[in-house]
Amino acid sequence: MWQSVGLTVLVIVATLICALLFMLFGWYVVWQLFLSKFKFLRELVGDAGTPQAESQPSEPKSERTAGVPTRNRPRSARQRVTFTESAS
């Protein structure tokens, strides 16, 4: 009788350990492939030294977007004709 109780406890403990290891492995894979790319989640976990954070350029946001004109994009011929017709 005590052997069957001991075996049952052993099976339950082994099952819980396997489930915990599976969850930890899954978290590690998902972290490496997807979640570590979000700065907010890295700050929550306390992982500030990831390679993604160190490899990003350290220039301010205003300097990165200064070279890209957003308002002065070239217009197609149709847009220019429509614009000149509506102006007259």
PDB file of N, CA and C in Angstrom:
ATOM      1  N   MET A   1       0.810  -1.195   0.000  1.00  0.00           N
ATOM      2  CA  MET A   1       0.000   0.000   0.000  1.00  0.00           C
ATOM      3  C   MET A   1       0.857   1.265   0.000  1.00  0.00           C
ATOM      4  N   TRP A   2       1.888   1.300   0.858  1.00  0.00           N
ATOM      5  CA  TRP A   2       2.739   2.496   0.902  1.00  0.00           C
ATOM      6  C   TRP A   2       3.531   2.658  -0.393  1.00  0.00           C
ATOM      7  N   GLN A   3       3.798   1.550  -1.051  1.00  0.00           N
ATOM      8  CA  GLN A   3       4.512   1.633  -2.321  1.00  0.00           C
ATOM      9  C   GLN A   3       3.651   2.314  -3.385  1.00  0.00           C
ATOM     10  N   SER A   4       2.385   2.030  -3.410  1.00  0.00           N
ATOM     11  CA  SER A   4       1.503   2.638  -4.410  1.00  0.00           C
ATOM     12  C   SER A   4       1.316   4.134  -4.123  1.00  0.00           C
ATOM     13  N   VAL A   5       1.262   4.527  -2.853  1.00  0.00           N
ATOM     14  CA  VAL A   5       1.155   5.944  -2.506  1.00  0.00           C
ATOM     15  C   VAL A   5       2.440   6.666  -2.894  1.00  0.00           C
ATOM     16  N   GLY A   6       3.578   6.052  -2.597  1.00  0.00           N
ATOM     17  CA  GLY A   6       4.877   6.649  -2.958  1.00  0.00           C
ATOM     18  C   GLY A   6       5.027   6.778  -4.468  1.00  0.00           C
ATOM     19  N   LEU A   7       4.583   5.772  -5.199  1.00  0.00           N
ATOM     20  CA  LEU A   7       4.656   5.815  -6.658  1.00  0.00           C
ATOM     21  C   LEU A   7       3.735   6.905  -7.212  1.00  0.00           C
ATOM     22  N   THR A   8       2.576   7.059  -6.631  1.00  0.00           N
ATOM     23  CA  THR A   8       1.639   8.101  -7.070  1.00  0.00           C
ATOM     24  C   THR A   8       2.225   9.485  -6.833  1.00  0.00           C
ATOM     25  N   VAL A   9       2.819   9.699  -5.669  1.00  0.00           N
ATOM     26  CA  VAL A   9       3.449  10.999  -5.363  1.00  0.00           C
ATOM     27  C   VAL A   9       4.617  11.252  -6.317  1.00  0.00           C
ATOM     28  N   LEU A  10       5.395  10.216  -6.583  1.00  0.00           N
ATOM     29  CA  LEU A  10       6.525  10.363  -7.494  1.00  0.00           C
ATOM     30  C   LEU A  10       6.062  10.738  -8.903  1.00  0.00           C
ATOM     31  N   VAL A  11       4.995  10.120  -9.373  1.00  0.00           N
ATOM     32  CA  VAL A  11       4.467  10.428 -10.705  1.00  0.00           C
ATOM     33  C   VAL A  11       3.944  11.869 -10.754  1.00  0.00           C
ATOM     34  N   ILE A  12       3.258  12.305  -9.708  1.00  0.00           N
ATOM     35  CA  ILE A  12       2.737  13.679  -9.675  1.00  0.00           C
ATOM     36  C   ILE A  12       3.877  14.694  -9.666  1.00  0.00           C
ATOM     37  N   VAL A  13       4.899  14.454  -8.846  1.00  0.00           N
ATOM     38  CA  VAL A  13       6.044  15.374  -8.784  1.00  0.00           C
ATOM     39  C   VAL A  13       6.788  15.393 -10.120  1.00  0.00           C
ATOM     40  N   ALA A  14       6.993  14.237 -10.715  1.00  0.00           N
ATOM     41  CA  ALA A  14       7.694  14.178 -12.000  1.00  0.00           C
ATOM     42  C   ALA A  14       6.902  14.900 -13.090  1.00  0.00           C
ATOM     43  N   THR A  15       5.579  14.766 -13.060  1.00  0.00           N
ATOM     44  CA  THR A  15       4.733  15.454 -14.041  1.00  0.00           C
ATOM     45  C   THR A  15       4.829  16.965 -13.880  1.00  0.00           C
ATOM     46  N   LEU A  16       4.790  17.440 -12.641  1.00  0.00           N
ATOM     47  CA  LEU A  16       4.912  18.881 -12.396  1.00  0.00           C
ATOM     48  C   LEU A  16       6.275  19.418 -12.829  1.00  0.00           C
ATOM     49  N   ILE A  17       7.320  18.678 -12.589  1.00  0.00           N
ATOM     50  CA  ILE A  17       8.662  19.110 -13.005  1.00  0.00           C
ATOM     51  C   ILE A  17       8.755  19.160 -14.528  1.00  0.00           C
ATOM     52  N   CYS A  18       8.224  18.152 -15.209  1.00  0.00           N
ATOM     53  CA  CYS A  18       8.242  18.154 -16.681  1.00  0.00           C
ATOM     54  C   CYS A  18       7.435  19.319 -17.237  1.00  0.00           C
ATOM     55  N   ALA A  19       6.279  19.591 -16.657  1.00  0.00           N
ATOM     56  CA  ALA A  19       5.464  20.717 -17.128  1.00  0.00           C
ATOM     57  C   ALA A  19       6.179  22.038 -16.900  1.00  0.00           C
ATOM     58  N   LEU A  20       6.831  22.201 -15.751  1.00  0.00           N
ATOM     59  CA  LEU A  20       7.573  23.432 -15.465  1.00  0.00           C
ATOM     60  C   LEU A  20       8.746  23.616 -16.427  1.00  0.00           C
ATOM     61  N   LEU A  21       9.476  22.545 -16.698  1.00  0.00           N
ATOM     62  CA  LEU A  21      10.587  22.627 -17.650  1.00  0.00           C
ATOM     63  C   LEU A  21      10.098  22.970 -19.055  1.00  0.00           C
ATOM     64  N   PHE A  22       8.982  22.398 -19.458  1.00  0.00           N
ATOM     65  CA  PHE A  22       8.416  22.688 -20.771  1.00  0.00           C
ATOM     66  C   PHE A  22       8.004  24.161 -20.868  1.00  0.00           C
ATOM     67  N   MET A  23       7.392  24.686 -19.813  1.00  0.00           N
ATOM     68  CA  MET A  23       6.989  26.098 -19.808  1.00  0.00           C
ATOM     69  C   MET A  23       8.199  27.021 -19.839  1.00  0.00           C
ATOM     70  N   LEU A  24       9.234  26.708 -19.083  1.00  0.00           N
ATOM     71  CA  LEU A  24      10.443  27.537 -19.078  1.00  0.00           C
ATOM     72  C   LEU A  24      11.132  27.523 -20.447  1.00  0.00           C
ATOM     73  N   PHE A  25      11.196  26.362 -21.064  1.00  0.00           N
ATOM     74  CA  PHE A  25      11.792  26.265 -22.395  1.00  0.00           C
ATOM     75  C   PHE A  25      10.972  27.063 -23.413  1.00  0.00           C
ATOM     76  N   GLY A  26       9.649  26.963 -23.339  1.00  0.00           N
ATOM     77  CA  GLY A  26       8.785  27.726 -24.242  1.00  0.00           C
ATOM     78  C   GLY A  26       8.947  29.217 -24.044  1.00  0.00           C
ATOM     79  N   TRP A  27       9.038  29.681 -22.795  1.00  0.00           N
ATOM     80  CA  TRP A  27       9.239  31.103 -22.515  1.00  0.00           C
ATOM     81  C   TRP A  27      10.568  31.571 -23.100  1.00  0.00           C
ATOM     82  N   TYR A  28      11.619  30.773 -22.929  1.00  0.00           N
ATOM     83  CA  TYR A  28      12.935  31.140 -23.445  1.00  0.00           C
ATOM     84  C   TYR A  28      12.910  31.278 -24.971  1.00  0.00           C
ATOM     85  N   VAL A  29      12.278  30.338 -25.643  1.00  0.00           N
ATOM     86  CA  VAL A  29      12.219  30.389 -27.112  1.00  0.00           C
ATOM     87  C   VAL A  29      11.416  31.603 -27.577  1.00  0.00           C
ATOM     88  N   VAL A  30      10.267  31.855 -26.961  1.00  0.00           N
ATOM     89  CA  VAL A  30       9.438  32.994 -27.355  1.00  0.00           C
ATOM     90  C   VAL A  30      10.160  34.299 -27.042  1.00  0.00           C
ATOM     91  N   TRP A  31      10.883  34.353 -25.926  1.00  0.00           N
ATOM     92  CA  TRP A  31      11.639  35.567 -25.565  1.00  0.00           C
ATOM     93  C   TRP A  31      12.717  35.840 -26.611  1.00  0.00           C
ATOM     94  N   GLN A  32      13.466  34.824 -26.976  1.00  0.00           N
ATOM     95  CA  GLN A  32      14.559  35.008 -27.929  1.00  0.00           C
ATOM     96  C   GLN A  32      14.058  35.380 -29.316  1.00  0.00           C
ATOM     97  N   LEU A  33      12.946  34.813 -29.732  1.00  0.00           N
ATOM     98  CA  LEU A  33      12.474  35.044 -31.093  1.00  0.00           C
ATOM     99  C   LEU A  33      11.618  36.294 -31.241  1.00  0.00           C
ATOM    100  N   PHE A  34      10.901  36.714 -30.187  1.00  0.00           N
ATOM    101  CA  PHE A  34       9.912  37.762 -30.378  1.00  0.00           C
ATOM    102  C   PHE A  34       9.912  38.831 -29.291  1.00  0.00           C
ATOM    103  N   LEU A  35       9.765  38.430 -28.051  1.00  0.00           N
ATOM    104  CA  LEU A  35       9.495  39.395 -26.984  1.00  0.00           C
ATOM    105  C   LEU A  35      10.684  40.289 -26.653  1.00  0.00           C
ATOM    106  N   SER A  36      11.906  39.828 -26.858  1.00  0.00           N
ATOM    107  CA  SER A  36      13.079  40.633 -26.501  1.00  0.00           C
ATOM    108  C   SER A  36      13.242  41.852 -27.409  1.00  0.00           C
ATOM    109  N   LYS A  37      12.480  41.928 -28.482  1.00  0.00           N
ATOM    110  CA  LYS A  37      12.590  43.065 -29.391  1.00  0.00           C
ATOM    111  C   LYS A  37      11.834  44.295 -28.868  1.00  0.00           C
ATOM    112  N   PHE A  38      10.997  44.135 -27.848  1.00  0.00           N
ATOM    113  CA  PHE A  38      10.228  45.240 -27.290  1.00  0.00           C
ATOM    114  C   PHE A  38      10.949  45.818 -26.083  1.00  0.00           C
ATOM    115  N   LYS A  39      11.283  47.096 -26.180  1.00  0.00           N
ATOM    116  CA  LYS A  39      12.028  47.757 -25.110  1.00  0.00           C
ATOM    117  C   LYS A  39      11.238  47.753 -23.802  1.00  0.00           C
ATOM    118  N   PHE A  40       9.926  47.939 -23.885  1.00  0.00           N
ATOM    119  CA  PHE A  40       9.082  47.971 -22.695  1.00  0.00           C
ATOM    120  C   PHE A  40       9.182  46.655 -21.917  1.00  0.00           C
ATOM    121  N   LEU A  41       9.129  45.530 -22.617  1.00  0.00           N
ATOM    122  CA  LEU A  41       9.201  44.236 -21.948  1.00  0.00           C
ATOM    123  C   LEU A  41      10.595  43.975 -21.386  1.00  0.00           C
ATOM    124  N   ARG A  42      11.643  44.442 -22.097  1.00  0.00           N
ATOM    125  CA  ARG A  42      12.998  44.292 -21.564  1.00  0.00           C
ATOM    126  C   ARG A  42      13.153  45.069 -20.269  1.00  0.00           C
ATOM    127  N   GLU A  43      12.546  46.256 -20.188  1.00  0.00           N
ATOM    128  CA  GLU A  43      12.625  47.035 -18.952  1.00  0.00           C
ATOM    129  C   GLU A  43      11.844  46.370 -17.834  1.00  0.00           C
ATOM    130  N   LEU A  44      10.688  45.760 -18.145  1.00  0.00           N
ATOM    131  CA  LEU A  44       9.913  45.069 -17.118  1.00  0.00           C
ATOM    132  C   LEU A  44      10.678  43.892 -16.527  1.00  0.00           C
ATOM    133  N   VAL A  45      11.352  43.148 -17.389  1.00  0.00           N
ATOM    134  CA  VAL A  45      12.088  41.981 -16.927  1.00  0.00           C
ATOM    135  C   VAL A  45      13.405  42.399 -16.283  1.00  0.00           C
ATOM    136  N   GLY A  46      13.923  43.562 -16.664  1.00  0.00           N
ATOM    137  CA  GLY A  46      15.194  44.032 -16.112  1.00  0.00           C
ATOM    138  C   GLY A  46      16.375  43.623 -16.954  1.00  0.00           C
ATOM    139  N   ASP A  47      16.143  43.295 -18.207  1.00  0.00           N
ATOM    140  CA  ASP A  47      17.195  42.853 -19.112  1.00  0.00           C
ATOM    141  C   ASP A  47      17.583  44.022 -20.002  1.00  0.00           C
ATOM    142  N   ALA A  48      18.499  44.872 -19.537  1.00  0.00           N
ATOM    143  CA  ALA A  48      18.883  46.059 -20.305  1.00  0.00           C
ATOM    144  C   ALA A  48      20.088  45.798 -21.192  1.00  0.00           C
ATOM    145  N   GLY A  49      20.762  44.687 -21.040  1.00  0.00           N
ATOM    146  CA  GLY A  49      21.990  44.444 -21.781  1.00  0.00           C
ATOM    147  C   GLY A  49      21.842  43.467 -22.921  1.00  0.00           C
ATOM    148  N   THR A  50      20.701  43.441 -23.593  1.00  0.00           N
ATOM    149  CA  THR A  50      20.536  42.528 -24.713  1.00  0.00           C
ATOM    150  C   THR A  50      21.284  43.048 -25.935  1.00  0.00           C
ATOM    151  N   PRO A  51      21.698  42.182 -26.820  1.00  0.00           N
ATOM    152  CA  PRO A  51      22.415  42.628 -28.018  1.00  0.00           C
ATOM    153  C   PRO A  51      21.586  43.540 -28.905  1.00  0.00           C
ATOM    154  N   GLN A  52      20.259  43.383 -28.914  1.00  0.00           N
ATOM    155  CA  GLN A  52      19.432  44.248 -29.740  1.00  0.00           C
ATOM    156  C   GLN A  52      19.529  45.693 -29.249  1.00  0.00           C
ATOM    157  N   ALA A  53      19.574  45.892 -27.949  1.00  0.00           N
ATOM    158  CA  ALA A  53      19.628  47.243 -27.402  1.00  0.00           C
ATOM    159  C   ALA A  53      20.992  47.874 -27.648  1.00  0.00           C
ATOM    160  N   GLU A  54      22.050  47.074 -27.610  1.00  0.00           N
ATOM    161  CA  GLU A  54      23.390  47.608 -27.786  1.00  0.00           C
ATOM    162  C   GLU A  54      23.719  47.883 -29.248  1.00  0.00           C
ATOM    163  N   SER A  55      23.089  47.177 -30.181  1.00  0.00           N
ATOM    164  CA  SER A  55      23.420  47.344 -31.587  1.00  0.00           C
ATOM    165  C   SER A  55      22.654  48.480 -32.253  1.00  0.00           C
ATOM    166  N   GLN A  56      21.655  49.054 -31.564  1.00  0.00           N
ATOM    167  CA  GLN A  56      20.898  50.143 -32.154  1.00  0.00           C
ATOM    168  C   GLN A  56      21.723  51.420 -32.123  1.00  0.00           C
ATOM    169  N   PRO A  57      21.586  52.291 -33.130  1.00  0.00           N
ATOM    170  CA  PRO A  57      22.330  53.543 -33.114  1.00  0.00           C
ATOM    171  C   PRO A  57      21.878  54.430 -31.968  1.00  0.00           C
ATOM    172  N   SER A  58      22.826  55.214 -31.441  1.00  0.00           N
ATOM    173  CA  SER A  58      22.520  56.020 -30.273  1.00  0.00           C
ATOM    174  C   SER A  58      22.151  57.453 -30.625  1.00  0.00           C
ATOM    175  N   GLU A  59      21.916  57.747 -31.892  1.00  0.00           N
ATOM    176  CA  GLU A  59      21.544  59.101 -32.265  1.00  0.00           C
ATOM    177  C   GLU A  59      20.106  59.398 -31.871  1.00  0.00           C
ATOM    178  N   PRO A  60      19.806  60.631 -31.555  1.00  0.00           N
ATOM    179  CA  PRO A  60      18.443  60.978 -31.155  1.00  0.00           C
ATOM    180  C   PRO A  60      17.447  60.783 -32.289  1.00  0.00           C
ATOM    181  N   LYS A  61      16.173  60.673 -31.930  1.00  0.00           N
ATOM    182  CA  LYS A  61      15.124  60.418 -32.908  1.00  0.00           C
ATOM    183  C   LYS A  61      15.010  61.562 -33.905  1.00  0.00           C
ATOM    184  N   SER A  62      15.206  62.793 -33.456  1.00  0.00           N
ATOM    185  CA  SER A  62      15.072  63.935 -34.355  1.00  0.00           C
ATOM    186  C   SER A  62      16.131  63.913 -35.448  1.00  0.00           C
ATOM    187  N   GLU A  63      17.332  63.397 -35.151  1.00  0.00           N
ATOM    188  CA  GLU A  63      18.363  63.318 -36.176  1.00  0.00           C
ATOM    189  C   GLU A  63      18.082  62.197 -37.172  1.00  0.00           C
ATOM    190  N   ARG A  64      17.468  61.119 -36.702  1.00  0.00           N
ATOM    191  CA  ARG A  64      17.173  60.009 -37.614  1.00  0.00           C
ATOM    192  C   ARG A  64      16.109  60.390 -38.620  1.00  0.00           C
ATOM    193  N   THR A  65      15.116  61.155 -38.203  1.00  0.00           N
ATOM    194  CA  THR A  65      14.021  61.486 -39.101  1.00  0.00           C
ATOM    195  C   THR A  65      14.247  62.796 -39.845  1.00  0.00           C
ATOM    196  N   ALA A  66      15.316  63.517 -39.534  1.00  0.00           N
ATOM    197  CA  ALA A  66      15.548  64.808 -40.174  1.00  0.00           C
ATOM    198  C   ALA A  66      15.862  64.650 -41.664  1.00  0.00           C
ATOM    199  N   GLY A  67      16.508  63.559 -42.069  1.00  0.00           N
ATOM    200  CA  GLY A  67      16.889  63.386 -43.456  1.00  0.00           C
ATOM    201  C   GLY A  67      15.771  62.872 -44.344  1.00  0.00           C
ATOM    202  N   VAL A  68      14.640  62.503 -43.794  1.00  0.00           N
ATOM    203  CA  VAL A  68      13.552  61.938 -44.574  1.00  0.00           C
ATOM    204  C   VAL A  68      12.451  62.984 -44.729  1.00  0.00           C
ATOM    205  N   PRO A  69      12.296  63.533 -45.930  1.00  0.00           N
ATOM    206  CA  PRO A  69      11.220  64.513 -46.110  1.00  0.00           C
ATOM    207  C   PRO A  69       9.865  63.811 -46.175  1.00  0.00           C
ATOM    208  N   THR A  70       8.920  64.268 -45.378  1.00  0.00           N
ATOM    209  CA  THR A  70       7.610  63.636 -45.379  1.00  0.00           C
ATOM    210  C   THR A  70       6.607  64.424 -46.204  1.00  0.00           C
ATOM    211  N   ARG A  71       6.728  65.740 -46.255  1.00  0.00           N
ATOM    212  CA  ARG A  71       5.762  66.565 -46.975  1.00  0.00           C
ATOM    213  C   ARG A  71       6.134  66.738 -48.451  1.00  0.00           C
ATOM    214  N   ASN A  72       7.398  66.646 -48.788  1.00  0.00           N
ATOM    215  CA  ASN A  72       7.856  66.963 -50.142  1.00  0.00           C
ATOM    216  C   ASN A  72       8.079  65.715 -50.977  1.00  0.00           C
ATOM    217  N   ARG A  73       7.159  64.790 -50.938  1.00  0.00           N
ATOM    218  CA  ARG A  73       7.311  63.610 -51.784  1.00  0.00           C
ATOM    219  C   ARG A  73       6.847  63.943 -53.202  1.00  0.00           C
ATOM    220  N   PRO A  74       7.444  63.329 -54.202  1.00  0.00           N
ATOM    221  CA  PRO A  74       7.073  63.653 -55.590  1.00  0.00           C
ATOM    222  C   PRO A  74       5.641  63.236 -55.889  1.00  0.00           C
ATOM    223  N   ARG A  75       4.962  64.064 -56.637  1.00  0.00           N
ATOM    224  CA  ARG A  75       3.578  63.775 -57.014  1.00  0.00           C
ATOM    225  C   ARG A  75       3.544  63.189 -58.420  1.00  0.00           C
ATOM    226  N   SER A  76       2.537  62.412 -58.659  1.00  0.00           N
ATOM    227  CA  SER A  76       2.390  61.853 -59.998  1.00  0.00           C
ATOM    228  C   SER A  76       1.850  62.939 -60.932  1.00  0.00           C
ATOM    229  N   ALA A  77       1.893  62.681 -62.228  1.00  0.00           N
ATOM    230  CA  ALA A  77       1.416  63.658 -63.218  1.00  0.00           C
ATOM    231  C   ALA A  77      -0.067  63.930 -63.033  1.00  0.00           C
ATOM    232  N   ARG A  78      -0.824  62.945 -62.685  1.00  0.00           N
ATOM    233  CA  ARG A  78      -2.260  63.123 -62.498  1.00  0.00           C
ATOM    234  C   ARG A  78      -2.542  64.065 -61.318  1.00  0.00           C
ATOM    235  N   GLN A  79      -1.806  63.909 -60.222  1.00  0.00           N
ATOM    236  CA  GLN A  79      -2.000  64.773 -59.069  1.00  0.00           C
ATOM    237  C   GLN A  79      -1.601  66.208 -59.388  1.00  0.00           C
ATOM    238  N   ARG A  80      -0.524  66.394 -60.164  1.00  0.00           N
ATOM    239  CA  ARG A  80      -0.095  67.746 -60.510  1.00  0.00           C
ATOM    240  C   ARG A  80      -1.120  68.433 -61.401  1.00  0.00           C
ATOM    241  N   VAL A  81      -1.667  67.709 -62.367  1.00  0.00           N
ATOM    242  CA  VAL A  81      -2.670  68.305 -63.266  1.00  0.00           C
ATOM    243  C   VAL A  81      -3.914  68.668 -62.475  1.00  0.00           C
ATOM    244  N   THR A  82      -4.354  67.784 -61.610  1.00  0.00           N
ATOM    245  CA  THR A  82      -5.533  68.072 -60.799  1.00  0.00           C
ATOM    246  C   THR A  82      -5.288  69.280 -59.923  1.00  0.00           C
ATOM    247  N   PHE A  83      -4.116  69.380 -59.349  1.00  0.00           N
ATOM    248  CA  PHE A  83      -3.801  70.485 -58.460  1.00  0.00           C
ATOM    249  C   PHE A  83      -3.763  71.797 -59.228  1.00  0.00           C
ATOM    250  N   THR A  84      -3.154  71.816 -60.425  1.00  0.00           N
ATOM    251  CA  THR A  84      -3.067  73.063 -61.187  1.00  0.00           C
ATOM    252  C   THR A  84      -4.420  73.472 -61.727  1.00  0.00           C
ATOM    253  N   GLU A  85      -5.278  72.509 -62.086  1.00  0.00           N
ATOM    254  CA  GLU A  85      -6.606  72.859 -62.569  1.00  0.00           C
ATOM    255  C   GLU A  85      -7.482  73.468 -61.461  1.00  0.00           C
ATOM    256  N   SER A  86      -7.357  72.917 -60.252  1.00  0.00           N
ATOM    257  CA  SER A  86      -8.174  73.436 -59.166  1.00  0.00           C
ATOM    258  C   SER A  86      -7.658  74.795 -58.683  1.00  0.00           C
ATOM    259  N   ALA A  87      -6.402  75.119 -58.937  1.00  0.00           N
ATOM    260  CA  ALA A  87      -5.845  76.402 -58.513  1.00  0.00           C
ATOM    261  C   ALA A  87      -6.301  77.530 -59.418  1.00  0.00           C
ATOM    262  N   SER A  88      -6.667  77.257 -60.696  1.00  0.00           N
ATOM    263  CA  SER A  88      -7.056  78.338 -61.603  1.00  0.00           C
ATOM    264  C   SER A  88      -8.493  78.709 -61.500  1.00  0.00           C
TER     265      SER A  88
END
